[in-house]
Amino acid sequence: MLTGVSHGALSYFKTPLTDLTGTPAYTSQYFGLCMDIEMKMINCLEAYGYYRGVESSCKDIIDDYSECFTRFKQMARHIEIRKVQRQKKSYIEPPRPDCY
């Protein structure tokens, strides 16, 4: 987790149990698609500090990670493509009822 930032009760009660149970819910380090980007983000924030990293130095990496993790742009693009496909009437007309 990021140091110096409050993450609810986990930041106040630091025990080995919170280390084991807290990380799978908040990170993609275990078999995630975004684990490389997340490691770059964490390394950048450790190098520049949280506040300077979020404001300027690591902003691009943080934006890339948030897009990879949430996939908002990908889902919006998918929704727009589906709208266009529905408007094209790309389906085949059904056969006449007396064509048997």
C-alpha atoms as a PDB file:
ATOM      1  CA  MET A   1       0.000   0.000   0.000  1.00  0.00           C
ATOM      2  CA  LEU A   2       1.027   3.594  -0.429  1.00  0.00           C
ATOM      3  CA  THR A   3       2.765   5.078   2.586  1.00  0.00           C
ATOM      4  CA  GLY A   4       1.548   8.282   4.155  1.00  0.00           C
ATOM      5  CA  VAL A   5      -1.996   7.897   2.886  1.00  0.00           C
ATOM      6  CA  SER A   6      -4.951   6.818   4.954  1.00  0.00           C
ATOM      7  CA  HIS A   7      -6.632   3.682   3.611  1.00  0.00           C
ATOM      8  CA  GLY A   8      -9.258   3.232   6.288  1.00  0.00           C
ATOM      9  CA  ALA A   9      -8.688   0.929   9.248  1.00  0.00           C
ATOM     10  CA  LEU A  10      -5.873  -0.949   7.524  1.00  0.00           C
ATOM     11  CA  SER A  11      -3.489   1.980   7.836  1.00  0.00           C
ATOM     12  CA  TYR A  12      -4.166   2.403  11.567  1.00  0.00           C
ATOM     13  CA  PHE A  13      -3.922  -1.255  12.568  1.00  0.00           C
ATOM     14  CA  LYS A  14      -0.783  -2.599  10.885  1.00  0.00           C
ATOM     15  CA  THR A  15      -0.305  -6.301  11.637  1.00  0.00           C
ATOM     16  CA  PRO A  16       0.932  -9.296   9.633  1.00  0.00           C
ATOM     17  CA  LEU A  17      -2.711 -10.311   9.202  1.00  0.00           C
ATOM     18  CA  THR A  18      -3.568  -7.029   7.474  1.00  0.00           C
ATOM     19  CA  ASP A  19      -0.560  -7.498   5.191  1.00  0.00           C
ATOM     20  CA  LEU A  20      -1.797 -10.927   4.125  1.00  0.00           C
ATOM     21  CA  THR A  21      -5.481 -10.113   3.762  1.00  0.00           C
ATOM     22  CA  GLY A  22      -5.312  -6.525   2.519  1.00  0.00           C
ATOM     23  CA  THR A  23      -3.236  -6.862  -0.620  1.00  0.00           C
ATOM     24  CA  PRO A  24      -5.305  -9.204  -2.827  1.00  0.00           C
ATOM     25  CA  ALA A  25      -8.315  -6.886  -2.639  1.00  0.00           C
ATOM     26  CA  TYR A  26      -6.464  -3.702  -3.614  1.00  0.00           C
ATOM     27  CA  THR A  27      -3.752  -4.796  -6.048  1.00  0.00           C
ATOM     28  CA  SER A  28      -3.365  -6.824  -9.201  1.00  0.00           C
ATOM     29  CA  GLN A  29      -0.024  -8.336  -8.207  1.00  0.00           C
ATOM     30  CA  TYR A  30      -1.336 -11.894  -8.221  1.00  0.00           C
ATOM     31  CA  PHE A  31      -1.883 -13.050 -11.823  1.00  0.00           C
ATOM     32  CA  GLY A  32      -3.311  -9.719 -12.901  1.00  0.00           C
ATOM     33  CA  LEU A  33      -3.188  -8.191 -16.348  1.00  0.00           C
ATOM     34  CA  CYS A  34      -1.967  -4.895 -14.916  1.00  0.00           C
ATOM     35  CA  MET A  35       0.769  -6.108 -12.590  1.00  0.00           C
ATOM     36  CA  ASP A  36       3.665  -4.678 -14.655  1.00  0.00           C
ATOM     37  CA  ILE A  37       2.075  -1.246 -14.815  1.00  0.00           C
ATOM     38  CA  GLU A  38       1.256  -1.402 -11.115  1.00  0.00           C
ATOM     39  CA  MET A  39       4.875  -2.192 -10.250  1.00  0.00           C
ATOM     40  CA  LYS A  40       6.039   0.773 -12.349  1.00  0.00           C
ATOM     41  CA  MET A  41       3.508   2.986 -10.555  1.00  0.00           C
ATOM     42  CA  ILE A  42       4.564   1.794  -7.093  1.00  0.00           C
ATOM     43  CA  ASN A  43       8.257   2.209  -7.903  1.00  0.00           C
ATOM     44  CA  CYS A  44       7.648   5.706  -9.240  1.00  0.00           C
ATOM     45  CA  LEU A  45       5.653   6.708  -6.156  1.00  0.00           C
ATOM     46  CA  GLU A  46       8.368   5.315  -3.898  1.00  0.00           C
ATOM     47  CA  ALA A  47      11.032   7.260  -5.793  1.00  0.00           C
ATOM     48  CA  TYR A  48       9.250  10.637  -5.938  1.00  0.00           C
ATOM     49  CA  GLY A  49       7.021  10.404  -2.872  1.00  0.00           C
ATOM     50  CA  TYR A  50       3.255  10.212  -2.915  1.00  0.00           C
ATOM     51  CA  TYR A  51       2.318  13.884  -3.239  1.00  0.00           C
ATOM     52  CA  ARG A  52       4.904  14.906  -5.851  1.00  0.00           C
ATOM     53  CA  GLY A  53       4.320  11.671  -7.768  1.00  0.00           C
ATOM     54  CA  VAL A  54       0.544  12.057  -7.925  1.00  0.00           C
ATOM     55  CA  GLU A  55       0.702  15.718  -8.911  1.00  0.00           C
ATOM     56  CA  SER A  56       3.316  15.604 -11.654  1.00  0.00           C
ATOM     57  CA  SER A  57       6.038  12.969 -11.928  1.00  0.00           C
ATOM     58  CA  CYS A  58       4.005   9.738 -11.999  1.00  0.00           C
ATOM     59  CA  LYS A  59       0.701  11.063 -13.358  1.00  0.00           C
ATOM     60  CA  ASP A  60       0.996   9.287 -16.733  1.00  0.00           C
ATOM     61  CA  ILE A  61       1.778   5.921 -15.146  1.00  0.00           C
ATOM     62  CA  ILE A  62      -1.062   6.336 -12.640  1.00  0.00           C
ATOM     63  CA  ASP A  63      -3.484   7.168 -15.467  1.00  0.00           C
ATOM     64  CA  ASP A  64      -2.315   4.103 -17.425  1.00  0.00           C
ATOM     65  CA  TYR A  65      -2.800   1.880 -14.382  1.00  0.00           C
ATOM     66  CA  SER A  66      -6.257   3.232 -13.605  1.00  0.00           C
ATOM     67  CA  GLU A  67      -7.308   2.660 -17.234  1.00  0.00           C
ATOM     68  CA  CYS A  68      -5.868  -0.869 -17.195  1.00  0.00           C
ATOM     69  CA  PHE A  69      -7.559  -1.694 -13.884  1.00  0.00           C
ATOM     70  CA  THR A  70     -10.994  -0.164 -14.549  1.00  0.00           C
ATOM     71  CA  ARG A  71     -11.161  -0.399 -18.379  1.00  0.00           C
ATOM     72  CA  PHE A  72     -13.569   2.553 -18.608  1.00  0.00           C
ATOM     73  CA  LYS A  73     -12.372   3.661 -22.050  1.00  0.00           C
ATOM     74  CA  GLN A  74     -12.476   0.126 -23.426  1.00  0.00           C
ATOM     75  CA  MET A  75     -16.028  -0.401 -22.213  1.00  0.00           C
ATOM     76  CA  ALA A  76     -17.160   2.994 -23.556  1.00  0.00           C
ATOM     77  CA  ARG A  77     -15.652   2.123 -26.956  1.00  0.00           C
ATOM     78  CA  HIS A  78     -17.414  -1.258 -26.899  1.00  0.00           C
ATOM     79  CA  ILE A  79     -20.757   0.381 -26.110  1.00  0.00           C
ATOM     80  CA  GLU A  80     -20.347   2.881 -28.971  1.00  0.00           C
ATOM     81  CA  ILE A  81     -19.431   0.113 -31.445  1.00  0.00           C
ATOM     82  CA  ARG A  82     -22.518  -1.868 -30.418  1.00  0.00           C
ATOM     83  CA  LYS A  83     -24.735   1.215 -30.904  1.00  0.00           C
ATOM     84  CA  VAL A  84     -23.382   1.712 -34.432  1.00  0.00           C
ATOM     85  CA  GLN A  85     -23.833  -1.971 -35.292  1.00  0.00           C
ATOM     86  CA  ARG A  86     -27.448  -1.905 -34.097  1.00  0.00           C
ATOM     87  CA  GLN A  87     -28.188   1.185 -36.176  1.00  0.00           C
ATOM     88  CA  LYS A  88     -26.805  -0.414 -39.372  1.00  0.00           C
ATOM     89  CA  LYS A  89     -29.499  -3.129 -39.452  1.00  0.00           C
ATOM     90  CA  SER A  90     -26.902  -5.744 -40.197  1.00  0.00           C
ATOM     91  CA  TYR A  91     -29.380  -8.568 -39.715  1.00  0.00           C
ATOM     92  CA  ILE A  92     -30.919 -10.640 -42.514  1.00  0.00           C
ATOM     93  CA  GLU A  93     -34.570 -10.209 -43.239  1.00  0.00           C
ATOM     94  CA  PRO A  94     -36.627 -13.256 -42.227  1.00  0.00           C
ATOM     95  CA  PRO A  95     -38.078 -15.414 -45.000  1.00  0.00           C
ATOM     96  CA  ARG A  96     -41.648 -14.896 -46.179  1.00  0.00           C
ATOM     97  CA  PRO A  97     -44.212 -16.880 -44.203  1.00  0.00           C
ATOM     98  CA  ASP A  98     -45.367 -18.883 -47.275  1.00  0.00           C
ATOM     99  CA  CYS A  99     -41.912 -19.994 -48.499  1.00  0.00           C
ATOM    100  CA  TYR A 100     -41.948 -23.494 -47.010  1.00  0.00           C
END
